[in-house]
Amino acid sequence: MDDRLKELMQELGNAINESLSDSDRIAAAIGEIKRAGYDVFLVLEATIGFNKREEAVEEEEGGEVIELESRPEGGRRSAGKIKLTSQDQKFLRQLKISIDDEGR
């Protein structure tokens, strides 16, 4: 991981901690628990994912255009277009959802 990315991740962590510390709602909830006679230990876990974008071309185009057709009841046909990025396609594969190649 490069140094700039480490700095950005640290800044994000600081921003999250600061927003939690400054929250009146969180402070009030913790205060109520303490008044009820309990000690409070707050541990939060955050999972932050990031991927390096592959190509500037993909970013400009917004991904691959896939045409989908459906046949609603009544025999009518409708066609629609949807833009899928490589991240969308990766997510669908993880869910074991495949895109029909016939529409391409």
PDB file of N, CA and C in Angstrom:
ATOM      1  N   MET A   1       0.846  -1.170   0.000  1.00  0.00           N
ATOM      2  CA  MET A   1       0.000   0.000   0.000  1.00  0.00           C
ATOM      3  C   MET A   1       0.895   1.238   0.000  1.00  0.00           C
ATOM      4  N   ASP A   2       0.581   2.195  -0.856  1.00  0.00           N
ATOM      5  CA  ASP A   2       1.453   3.366  -0.918  1.00  0.00           C
ATOM      6  C   ASP A   2       1.163   4.335   0.234  1.00  0.00           C
ATOM      7  N   ASP A   3       2.101   5.237   0.475  1.00  0.00           N
ATOM      8  CA  ASP A   3       2.007   6.144   1.615  1.00  0.00           C
ATOM      9  C   ASP A   3       0.792   7.063   1.529  1.00  0.00           C
ATOM     10  N   ARG A   4       0.453   7.526   0.330  1.00  0.00           N
ATOM     11  CA  ARG A   4      -0.692   8.428   0.168  1.00  0.00           C
ATOM     12  C   ARG A   4      -1.993   7.724   0.571  1.00  0.00           C
ATOM     13  N   LEU A   5      -2.135   6.468   0.163  1.00  0.00           N
ATOM     14  CA  LEU A   5      -3.327   5.717   0.515  1.00  0.00           C
ATOM     15  C   LEU A   5      -3.401   5.510   2.029  1.00  0.00           C
ATOM     16  N   LYS A   6      -2.270   5.236   2.660  1.00  0.00           N
ATOM     17  CA  LYS A   6      -2.243   5.088   4.121  1.00  0.00           C
ATOM     18  C   LYS A   6      -2.696   6.376   4.801  1.00  0.00           C
ATOM     19  N   GLU A   7      -2.229   7.517   4.289  1.00  0.00           N
ATOM     20  CA  GLU A   7      -2.628   8.813   4.846  1.00  0.00           C
ATOM     21  C   GLU A   7      -4.132   9.024   4.704  1.00  0.00           C
ATOM     22  N   LEU A   8      -4.668   8.694   3.532  1.00  0.00           N
ATOM     23  CA  LEU A   8      -6.098   8.871   3.292  1.00  0.00           C
ATOM     24  C   LEU A   8      -6.929   7.963   4.193  1.00  0.00           C
ATOM     25  N   MET A   9      -6.470   6.743   4.394  1.00  0.00           N
ATOM     26  CA  MET A   9      -7.186   5.811   5.268  1.00  0.00           C
ATOM     27  C   MET A   9      -7.141   6.301   6.718  1.00  0.00           C
ATOM     28  N   GLN A  10      -6.004   6.830   7.145  1.00  0.00           N
ATOM     29  CA  GLN A  10      -5.878   7.367   8.495  1.00  0.00           C
ATOM     30  C   GLN A  10      -6.811   8.559   8.677  1.00  0.00           C
ATOM     31  N   GLU A  11      -6.898   9.407   7.667  1.00  0.00           N
ATOM     32  CA  GLU A  11      -7.794  10.565   7.723  1.00  0.00           C
ATOM     33  C   GLU A  11      -9.247  10.125   7.827  1.00  0.00           C
ATOM     34  N   LEU A  12      -9.611   9.085   7.097  1.00  0.00           N
ATOM     35  CA  LEU A  12     -10.966   8.553   7.178  1.00  0.00           C
ATOM     36  C   LEU A  12     -11.247   8.024   8.584  1.00  0.00           C
ATOM     37  N   GLY A  13     -10.314   7.293   9.150  1.00  0.00           N
ATOM     38  CA  GLY A  13     -10.471   6.788  10.514  1.00  0.00           C
ATOM     39  C   GLY A  13     -10.631   7.913  11.514  1.00  0.00           C
ATOM     40  N   ASN A  14      -9.818   8.954  11.371  1.00  0.00           N
ATOM     41  CA  ASN A  14      -9.921  10.112  12.263  1.00  0.00           C
ATOM     42  C   ASN A  14     -11.280  10.796  12.134  1.00  0.00           C
ATOM     43  N   ALA A  15     -11.766  10.917  10.896  1.00  0.00           N
ATOM     44  CA  ALA A  15     -13.060  11.563  10.663  1.00  0.00           C
ATOM     45  C   ALA A  15     -14.193  10.752  11.302  1.00  0.00           C
ATOM     46  N   ILE A  16     -14.124   9.434  11.197  1.00  0.00           N
ATOM     47  CA  ILE A  16     -15.144   8.577  11.804  1.00  0.00           C
ATOM     48  C   ILE A  16     -15.112   8.714  13.320  1.00  0.00           C
ATOM     49  N   ASN A  17     -13.927   8.640  13.908  1.00  0.00           N
ATOM     50  CA  ASN A  17     -13.792   8.778  15.375  1.00  0.00           C
ATOM     51  C   ASN A  17     -14.305  10.126  15.848  1.00  0.00           C
ATOM     52  N   GLU A  18     -13.957  11.164  15.118  1.00  0.00           N
ATOM     53  CA  GLU A  18     -14.365  12.515  15.502  1.00  0.00           C
ATOM     54  C   GLU A  18     -15.882  12.676  15.429  1.00  0.00           C
ATOM     55  N   SER A  19     -16.478  12.126  14.387  1.00  0.00           N
ATOM     56  CA  SER A  19     -17.931  12.259  14.253  1.00  0.00           C
ATOM     57  C   SER A  19     -18.660  11.504  15.360  1.00  0.00           C
ATOM     58  N   LEU A  20     -18.130  10.354  15.775  1.00  0.00           N
ATOM     59  CA  LEU A  20     -18.735   9.601  16.874  1.00  0.00           C
ATOM     60  C   LEU A  20     -18.558  10.339  18.197  1.00  0.00           C
ATOM     61  N   SER A  21     -17.385  10.915  18.397  1.00  0.00           N
ATOM     62  CA  SER A  21     -17.101  11.633  19.642  1.00  0.00           C
ATOM     63  C   SER A  21     -17.965  12.877  19.786  1.00  0.00           C
ATOM     64  N   ASP A  22     -18.277  13.519  18.674  1.00  0.00           N
ATOM     65  CA  ASP A  22     -19.045  14.765  18.700  1.00  0.00           C
ATOM     66  C   ASP A  22     -20.555  14.549  18.658  1.00  0.00           C
ATOM     67  N   SER A  23     -20.991  13.305  18.608  1.00  0.00           N
ATOM     68  CA  SER A  23     -22.416  13.019  18.472  1.00  0.00           C
ATOM     69  C   SER A  23     -23.147  13.185  19.796  1.00  0.00           C
ATOM     70  N   ASP A  24     -24.068  14.133  19.832  1.00  0.00           N
ATOM     71  CA  ASP A  24     -24.879  14.348  21.032  1.00  0.00           C
ATOM     72  C   ASP A  24     -25.786  13.147  21.297  1.00  0.00           C
ATOM     73  N   ARG A  25     -26.258  12.527  20.239  1.00  0.00           N
ATOM     74  CA  ARG A  25     -27.155  11.374  20.379  1.00  0.00           C
ATOM     75  C   ARG A  25     -26.427  10.192  21.025  1.00  0.00           C
ATOM     76  N   ILE A  26     -25.188   9.929  20.587  1.00  0.00           N
ATOM     77  CA  ILE A  26     -24.406   8.844  21.175  1.00  0.00           C
ATOM     78  C   ILE A  26     -24.083   9.163  22.628  1.00  0.00           C
ATOM     79  N   ALA A  27     -23.690  10.412  22.892  1.00  0.00           N
ATOM     80  CA  ALA A  27     -23.375  10.816  24.268  1.00  0.00           C
ATOM     81  C   ALA A  27     -24.591  10.655  25.168  1.00  0.00           C
ATOM     82  N   ALA A  28     -25.770  11.002  24.661  1.00  0.00           N
ATOM     83  CA  ALA A  28     -26.992  10.877  25.466  1.00  0.00           C
ATOM     84  C   ALA A  28     -27.301   9.410  25.760  1.00  0.00           C
ATOM     85  N   ALA A  29     -27.154   8.546  24.764  1.00  0.00           N
ATOM     86  CA  ALA A  29     -27.431   7.120  24.957  1.00  0.00           C
ATOM     87  C   ALA A  29     -26.455   6.507  25.966  1.00  0.00           C
ATOM     88  N   ILE A  30     -25.180   6.874  25.860  1.00  0.00           N
ATOM     89  CA  ILE A  30     -24.180   6.374  26.814  1.00  0.00           C
ATOM     90  C   ILE A  30     -24.481   6.897  28.216  1.00  0.00           C
ATOM     91  N   GLY A  31     -24.897   8.159  28.307  1.00  0.00           N
ATOM     92  CA  GLY A  31     -25.255   8.743  29.601  1.00  0.00           C
ATOM     93  C   GLY A  31     -26.412   8.007  30.261  1.00  0.00           C
ATOM     94  N   GLU A  32     -27.423   7.629  29.474  1.00  0.00           N
ATOM     95  CA  GLU A  32     -28.563   6.883  30.006  1.00  0.00           C
ATOM     96  C   GLU A  32     -28.131   5.519  30.539  1.00  0.00           C
ATOM     97  N   ILE A  33     -27.238   4.867  29.820  1.00  0.00           N
ATOM     98  CA  ILE A  33     -26.743   3.551  30.264  1.00  0.00           C
ATOM     99  C   ILE A  33     -25.967   3.695  31.574  1.00  0.00           C
ATOM    100  N   LYS A  34     -25.143   4.733  31.663  1.00  0.00           N
ATOM    101  CA  LYS A  34     -24.377   4.966  32.894  1.00  0.00           C
ATOM    102  C   LYS A  34     -25.303   5.289  34.063  1.00  0.00           C
ATOM    103  N   ARG A  35     -26.336   6.088  33.809  1.00  0.00           N
ATOM    104  CA  ARG A  35     -27.292   6.419  34.877  1.00  0.00           C
ATOM    105  C   ARG A  35     -28.060   5.184  35.350  1.00  0.00           C
ATOM    106  N   ALA A  36     -28.163   4.196  34.485  1.00  0.00           N
ATOM    107  CA  ALA A  36     -28.841   2.945  34.860  1.00  0.00           C
ATOM    108  C   ALA A  36     -27.913   2.041  35.667  1.00  0.00           C
ATOM    109  N   GLY A  37     -26.654   2.498  35.872  1.00  0.00           N
ATOM    110  CA  GLY A  37     -25.736   1.749  36.730  1.00  0.00           C
ATOM    111  C   GLY A  37     -24.758   0.851  36.009  1.00  0.00           C
ATOM    112  N   TYR A  38     -24.580   1.055  34.729  1.00  0.00           N
ATOM    113  CA  TYR A  38     -23.672   0.215  33.954  1.00  0.00           C
ATOM    114  C   TYR A  38     -22.466   1.009  33.466  1.00  0.00           C
ATOM    115  N   ASP A  39     -21.338   0.297  33.352  1.00  0.00           N
ATOM    116  CA  ASP A  39     -20.181   0.876  32.666  1.00  0.00           C
ATOM    117  C   ASP A  39     -20.348   0.599  31.179  1.00  0.00           C
ATOM    118  N   VAL A  40     -19.860   1.491  30.354  1.00  0.00           N
ATOM    119  CA  VAL A  40     -20.034   1.359  28.906  1.00  0.00           C
ATOM    120  C   VAL A  40     -18.671   1.202  28.235  1.00  0.00           C
ATOM    121  N   PHE A  41     -18.585   0.170  27.424  1.00  0.00           N
ATOM    122  CA  PHE A  41     -17.411  -0.040  26.580  1.00  0.00           C
ATOM    123  C   PHE A  41     -17.914  -0.096  25.151  1.00  0.00           C
ATOM    124  N   LEU A  42     -17.493   0.835  24.350  1.00  0.00           N
ATOM    125  CA  LEU A  42     -17.965   0.913  22.971  1.00  0.00           C
ATOM    126  C   LEU A  42     -16.829   0.537  22.033  1.00  0.00           C
ATOM    127  N   VAL A  43     -17.017  -0.550  21.320  1.00  0.00           N
ATOM    128  CA  VAL A  43     -16.041  -0.994  20.328  1.00  0.00           C
ATOM    129  C   VAL A  43     -16.779  -1.149  19.012  1.00  0.00           C
ATOM    130  N   LEU A  44     -16.369  -0.413  18.028  1.00  0.00           N
ATOM    131  CA  LEU A  44     -16.984  -0.503  16.706  1.00  0.00           C
ATOM    132  C   LEU A  44     -15.969  -1.053  15.719  1.00  0.00           C
ATOM    133  N   GLU A  45     -16.453  -1.846  14.805  1.00  0.00           N
ATOM    134  CA  GLU A  45     -15.588  -2.382  13.762  1.00  0.00           C
ATOM    135  C   GLU A  45     -16.102  -1.871  12.421  1.00  0.00           C
ATOM    136  N   ALA A  46     -15.207  -1.367  11.629  1.00  0.00           N
ATOM    137  CA  ALA A  46     -15.584  -0.889  10.297  1.00  0.00           C
ATOM    138  C   ALA A  46     -14.766  -1.646   9.258  1.00  0.00           C
ATOM    139  N   THR A  47     -15.440  -2.081   8.233  1.00  0.00           N
ATOM    140  CA  THR A  47     -14.756  -2.709   7.113  1.00  0.00           C
ATOM    141  C   THR A  47     -14.830  -1.742   5.950  1.00  0.00           C
ATOM    142  N   ILE A  48     -13.685  -1.327   5.486  1.00  0.00           N
ATOM    143  CA  ILE A  48     -13.620  -0.371   4.387  1.00  0.00           C
ATOM    144  C   ILE A  48     -12.882  -1.038   3.244  1.00  0.00           C
ATOM    145  N   GLY A  49     -13.536  -1.132   2.114  1.00  0.00           N
ATOM    146  CA  GLY A  49     -12.924  -1.755   0.949  1.00  0.00           C
ATOM    147  C   GLY A  49     -12.590  -0.714  -0.101  1.00  0.00           C
ATOM    148  N   PHE A  50     -11.587  -0.995  -0.866  1.00  0.00           N
ATOM    149  CA  PHE A  50     -11.231  -0.112  -1.968  1.00  0.00           C
ATOM    150  C   PHE A  50     -10.549  -0.931  -3.041  1.00  0.00           C
ATOM    151  N   ASN A  51     -10.730  -0.496  -4.264  1.00  0.00           N
ATOM    152  CA  ASN A  51     -10.102  -1.122  -5.420  1.00  0.00           C
ATOM    153  C   ASN A  51      -9.539  -0.030  -6.305  1.00  0.00           C
ATOM    154  N   LYS A  52      -8.405  -0.274  -6.843  1.00  0.00           N
ATOM    155  CA  LYS A  52      -7.812   0.643  -7.803  1.00  0.00           C
ATOM    156  C   LYS A  52      -8.618   0.555  -9.081  1.00  0.00           C
ATOM    157  N   ARG A  53      -9.031   1.701  -9.626  1.00  0.00           N
ATOM    158  CA  ARG A  53      -9.754   1.699 -10.891  1.00  0.00           C
ATOM    159  C   ARG A  53      -8.833   1.221 -11.985  1.00  0.00           C
ATOM    160  N   GLU A  54      -9.405   0.395 -12.894  1.00  0.00           N
ATOM    161  CA  GLU A  54      -8.588  -0.267 -13.896  1.00  0.00           C
ATOM    162  C   GLU A  54      -8.101   0.655 -15.009  1.00  0.00           C
ATOM    163  N   GLU A  55      -9.036   1.326 -15.677  1.00  0.00           N
ATOM    164  CA  GLU A  55      -8.644   2.147 -16.816  1.00  0.00           C
ATOM    165  C   GLU A  55      -9.453   3.426 -16.840  1.00  0.00           C
ATOM    166  N   ALA A  56      -8.852   4.489 -17.357  1.00  0.00           N
ATOM    167  CA  ALA A  56      -9.551   5.758 -17.495  1.00  0.00           C
ATOM    168  C   ALA A  56     -10.690   5.636 -18.492  1.00  0.00           C
ATOM    169  N   VAL A  57     -10.548   4.788 -19.496  1.00  0.00           N
ATOM    170  CA  VAL A  57     -11.586   4.615 -20.508  1.00  0.00           C
ATOM    171  C   VAL A  57     -12.850   4.070 -19.872  1.00  0.00           C
ATOM    172  N   GLU A  58     -12.721   3.061 -19.026  1.00  0.00           N
ATOM    173  CA  GLU A  58     -13.875   2.477 -18.362  1.00  0.00           C
ATOM    174  C   GLU A  58     -14.559   3.519 -17.496  1.00  0.00           C
ATOM    175  N   GLU A  59     -13.783   4.351 -16.833  1.00  0.00           N
ATOM    176  CA  GLU A  59     -14.333   5.369 -15.962  1.00  0.00           C
ATOM    177  C   GLU A  59     -15.150   6.374 -16.769  1.00  0.00           C
ATOM    178  N   GLU A  60     -14.654   6.769 -17.937  1.00  0.00           N
ATOM    179  CA  GLU A  60     -15.353   7.731 -18.771  1.00  0.00           C
ATOM    180  C   GLU A  60     -16.638   7.145 -19.327  1.00  0.00           C
ATOM    181  N   GLU A  61     -16.587   5.899 -19.775  1.00  0.00           N
ATOM    182  CA  GLU A  61     -17.740   5.278 -20.402  1.00  0.00           C
ATOM    183  C   GLU A  61     -18.743   4.781 -19.380  1.00  0.00           C
ATOM    184  N   GLY A  62     -18.319   4.586 -18.139  1.00  0.00           N
ATOM    185  CA  GLY A  62     -19.219   4.102 -17.112  1.00  0.00           C
ATOM    186  C   GLY A  62     -19.442   2.607 -17.167  1.00  0.00           C
ATOM    187  N   GLY A  63     -18.703   1.896 -17.969  1.00  0.00           N
ATOM    188  CA  GLY A  63     -18.819   0.445 -18.016  1.00  0.00           C
ATOM    189  C   GLY A  63     -19.428  -0.039 -19.310  1.00  0.00           C
ATOM    190  N   GLU A  64     -19.620  -1.323 -19.374  1.00  0.00           N
ATOM    191  CA  GLU A  64     -20.141  -1.984 -20.553  1.00  0.00           C
ATOM    192  C   GLU A  64     -21.657  -1.821 -20.594  1.00  0.00           C
ATOM    193  N   VAL A  65     -22.204  -1.577 -21.786  1.00  0.00           N
ATOM    194  CA  VAL A  65     -23.649  -1.461 -21.925  1.00  0.00           C
ATOM    195  C   VAL A  65     -24.202  -2.815 -22.326  1.00  0.00           C
ATOM    196  N   ILE A  66     -25.149  -3.310 -21.549  1.00  0.00           N
ATOM    197  CA  ILE A  66     -25.775  -4.596 -21.817  1.00  0.00           C
ATOM    198  C   ILE A  66     -27.256  -4.350 -22.048  1.00  0.00           C
ATOM    199  N   GLU A  67     -27.790  -4.861 -23.156  1.00  0.00           N
ATOM    200  CA  GLU A  67     -29.204  -4.709 -23.445  1.00  0.00           C
ATOM    201  C   GLU A  67     -29.958  -5.920 -22.917  1.00  0.00           C
ATOM    202  N   LEU A  68     -31.010  -5.652 -22.160  1.00  0.00           N
ATOM    203  CA  LEU A  68     -31.833  -6.717 -21.606  1.00  0.00           C
ATOM    204  C   LEU A  68     -33.235  -6.599 -22.183  1.00  0.00           C
ATOM    205  N   GLU A  69     -33.841  -7.719 -22.501  1.00  0.00           N
ATOM    206  CA  GLU A  69     -35.214  -7.723 -22.993  1.00  0.00           C
ATOM    207  C   GLU A  69     -36.075  -8.544 -22.053  1.00  0.00           C
ATOM    208  N   SER A  70     -37.292  -8.086 -21.845  1.00  0.00           N
ATOM    209  CA  SER A  70     -38.230  -8.845 -21.028  1.00  0.00           C
ATOM    210  C   SER A  70     -39.554  -8.918 -21.764  1.00  0.00           C
ATOM    211  N   ARG A  71     -40.330  -9.939 -21.468  1.00  0.00           N
ATOM    212  CA  ARG A  71     -41.646 -10.113 -22.080  1.00  0.00           C
ATOM    213  C   ARG A  71     -42.691 -10.107 -20.966  1.00  0.00           C
ATOM    214  N   PRO A  72     -43.257  -8.940 -20.700  1.00  0.00           N
ATOM    215  CA  PRO A  72     -44.290  -8.886 -19.670  1.00  0.00           C
ATOM    216  C   PRO A  72     -45.559  -9.603 -20.113  1.00  0.00           C
ATOM    217  N   GLU A  73     -46.444  -9.856 -19.159  1.00  0.00           N
ATOM    218  CA  GLU A  73     -47.713 -10.503 -19.492  1.00  0.00           C
ATOM    219  C   GLU A  73     -48.460  -9.646 -20.499  1.00  0.00           C
ATOM    220  N   GLY A  74     -49.233 -10.284 -21.352  1.00  0.00           N
ATOM    221  CA  GLY A  74     -49.972  -9.562 -22.375  1.00  0.00           C
ATOM    222  C   GLY A  74     -49.262  -9.609 -23.717  1.00  0.00           C
ATOM    223  N   GLY A  75     -48.112 -10.258 -23.790  1.00  0.00           N
ATOM    224  CA  GLY A  75     -47.402 -10.425 -25.049  1.00  0.00           C
ATOM    225  C   GLY A  75     -46.600  -9.222 -25.503  1.00  0.00           C
ATOM    226  N   ARG A  76     -46.613  -8.127 -24.716  1.00  0.00           N
ATOM    227  CA  ARG A  76     -45.829  -6.957 -25.111  1.00  0.00           C
ATOM    228  C   ARG A  76     -44.352  -7.205 -24.854  1.00  0.00           C
ATOM    229  N   ARG A  77     -43.505  -6.573 -25.641  1.00  0.00           N
ATOM    230  CA  ARG A  77     -42.057  -6.675 -25.428  1.00  0.00           C
ATOM    231  C   ARG A  77     -41.533  -5.304 -25.031  1.00  0.00           C
ATOM    232  N   SER A  78     -40.648  -5.308 -24.106  1.00  0.00           N
ATOM    233  CA  SER A  78     -39.984  -4.059 -23.754  1.00  0.00           C
ATOM    234  C   SER A  78     -38.495  -4.332 -23.687  1.00  0.00           C
ATOM    235  N   ALA A  79     -37.727  -3.356 -24.067  1.00  0.00           N
ATOM    236  CA  ALA A  79     -36.278  -3.491 -24.027  1.00  0.00           C
ATOM    237  C   ALA A  79     -35.720  -2.378 -23.155  1.00  0.00           C
ATOM    238  N   GLY A  80     -34.668  -2.684 -22.447  1.00  0.00           N
ATOM    239  CA  GLY A  80     -34.031  -1.690 -21.608  1.00  0.00           C
ATOM    240  C   GLY A  80     -32.532  -1.821 -21.699  1.00  0.00           C
ATOM    241  N   LYS A  81     -31.851  -0.792 -21.305  1.00  0.00           N
ATOM    242  CA  LYS A  81     -30.392  -0.823 -21.297  1.00  0.00           C
ATOM    243  C   LYS A  81     -29.921  -0.531 -19.884  1.00  0.00           C
ATOM    244  N   ILE A  82     -28.874  -1.206 -19.530  1.00  0.00           N
ATOM    245  CA  ILE A  82     -28.287  -1.005 -18.218  1.00  0.00           C
ATOM    246  C   ILE A  82     -26.778  -0.961 -18.377  1.00  0.00           C
ATOM    247  N   LYS A  83     -26.127  -0.070 -17.640  1.00  0.00           N
ATOM    248  CA  LYS A  83     -24.671   0.019 -17.675  1.00  0.00           C
ATOM    249  C   LYS A  83     -24.108  -0.716 -16.473  1.00  0.00           C
ATOM    250  N   LEU A  84     -23.233  -1.647 -16.735  1.00  0.00           N
ATOM    251  CA  LEU A  84     -22.583  -2.394 -15.666  1.00  0.00           C
ATOM    252  C   LEU A  84     -21.083  -2.130 -15.701  1.00  0.00           C
ATOM    253  N   THR A  85     -20.531  -1.755 -14.578  1.00  0.00           N
ATOM    254  CA  THR A  85     -19.082  -1.596 -14.479  1.00  0.00           C
ATOM    255  C   THR A  85     -18.467  -2.953 -14.179  1.00  0.00           C
ATOM    256  N   SER A  86     -17.159  -3.008 -14.223  1.00  0.00           N
ATOM    257  CA  SER A  86     -16.487  -4.260 -13.880  1.00  0.00           C
ATOM    258  C   SER A  86     -16.780  -4.638 -12.432  1.00  0.00           C
ATOM    259  N   GLN A  87     -16.954  -3.634 -11.559  1.00  0.00           N
ATOM    260  CA  GLN A  87     -17.300  -3.903 -10.158  1.00  0.00           C
ATOM    261  C   GLN A  87     -18.695  -4.511 -10.058  1.00  0.00           C
ATOM    262  N   ASP A  88     -19.642  -4.003 -10.872  1.00  0.00           N
ATOM    263  CA  ASP A  88     -20.991  -4.582 -10.887  1.00  0.00           C
ATOM    264  C   ASP A  88     -20.942  -6.041 -11.303  1.00  0.00           C
ATOM    265  N   GLN A  89     -20.190  -6.318 -12.358  1.00  0.00           N
ATOM    266  CA  GLN A  89     -20.102  -7.683 -12.861  1.00  0.00           C
ATOM    267  C   GLN A  89     -19.447  -8.600 -11.833  1.00  0.00           C
ATOM    268  N   LYS A  90     -18.414  -8.111 -11.157  1.00  0.00           N
ATOM    269  CA  LYS A  90     -17.737  -8.904 -10.129  1.00  0.00           C
ATOM    270  C   LYS A  90     -18.699  -9.220  -8.983  1.00  0.00           C
ATOM    271  N   PHE A  91     -19.486  -8.224  -8.579  1.00  0.00           N
ATOM    272  CA  PHE A  91     -20.457  -8.417  -7.508  1.00  0.00           C
ATOM    273  C   PHE A  91     -21.497  -9.458  -7.900  1.00  0.00           C
ATOM    274  N   LEU A  92     -22.022  -9.369  -9.112  1.00  0.00           N
ATOM    275  CA  LEU A  92     -23.013 -10.335  -9.573  1.00  0.00           C
ATOM    276  C   LEU A  92     -22.435 -11.747  -9.617  1.00  0.00           C
ATOM    277  N   ARG A  93     -21.180 -11.881 -10.072  1.00  0.00           N
ATOM    278  CA  ARG A  93     -20.532 -13.199 -10.089  1.00  0.00           C
ATOM    279  C   ARG A  93     -20.412 -13.760  -8.680  1.00  0.00           C
ATOM    280  N   GLN A  94     -20.094 -12.908  -7.697  1.00  0.00           N
ATOM    281  CA  GLN A  94     -19.982 -13.366  -6.311  1.00  0.00           C
ATOM    282  C   GLN A  94     -21.321 -13.881  -5.790  1.00  0.00           C
ATOM    283  N   LEU A  95     -22.409 -13.312  -6.304  1.00  0.00           N
ATOM    284  CA  LEU A  95     -23.747 -13.763  -5.918  1.00  0.00           C
ATOM    285  C   LEU A  95     -24.219 -14.921  -6.791  1.00  0.00           C
ATOM    286  N   LYS A  96     -23.336 -15.391  -7.661  1.00  0.00           N
ATOM    287  CA  LYS A  96     -23.644 -16.490  -8.589  1.00  0.00           C
ATOM    288  C   LYS A  96     -24.783 -16.115  -9.538  1.00  0.00           C
ATOM    289  N   ILE A  97     -24.777 -14.839  -9.973  1.00  0.00           N
ATOM    290  CA  ILE A  97     -25.757 -14.360 -10.949  1.00  0.00           C
ATOM    291  C   ILE A  97     -25.022 -14.127 -12.252  1.00  0.00           C
ATOM    292  N   SER A  98     -25.516 -14.754 -13.315  1.00  0.00           N
ATOM    293  CA  SER A  98     -24.859 -14.584 -14.607  1.00  0.00           C
ATOM    294  C   SER A  98     -25.712 -13.704 -15.501  1.00  0.00           C
ATOM    295  N   ILE A  99     -25.058 -13.017 -16.401  1.00  0.00           N
ATOM    296  CA  ILE A  99     -25.723 -12.171 -17.383  1.00  0.00           C
ATOM    297  C   ILE A  99     -25.836 -12.979 -18.668  1.00  0.00           C
ATOM    298  N   ASP A 100     -27.031 -13.016 -19.244  1.00  0.00           N
ATOM    299  CA  ASP A 100     -27.264 -13.762 -20.483  1.00  0.00           C
ATOM    300  C   ASP A 100     -26.511 -13.096 -21.623  1.00  0.00           C
ATOM    301  N   ASP A 101     -25.664 -13.847 -22.317  1.00  0.00           N
ATOM    302  CA  ASP A 101     -24.863 -13.316 -23.417  1.00  0.00           C
ATOM    303  C   ASP A 101     -25.676 -13.136 -24.706  1.00  0.00           C
ATOM    304  N   GLU A 102     -26.884 -13.679 -24.777  1.00  0.00           N
ATOM    305  CA  GLU A 102     -27.669 -13.572 -26.002  1.00  0.00           C
ATOM    306  C   GLU A 102     -28.048 -12.143 -26.323  1.00  0.00           C
ATOM    307  N   GLY A 103     -28.243 -11.303 -25.310  1.00  0.00           N
ATOM    308  CA  GLY A 103     -28.654  -9.929 -25.532  1.00  0.00           C
ATOM    309  C   GLY A 103     -27.571  -9.019 -26.042  1.00  0.00           C
ATOM    310  N   ARG A 104     -26.351  -9.509 -26.087  1.00  0.00           N
ATOM    311  CA  ARG A 104     -25.218  -8.666 -26.496  1.00  0.00           C
ATOM    312  C   ARG A 104     -25.052  -8.639 -27.981  1.00  0.00           C
TER     313      ARG A 104
END
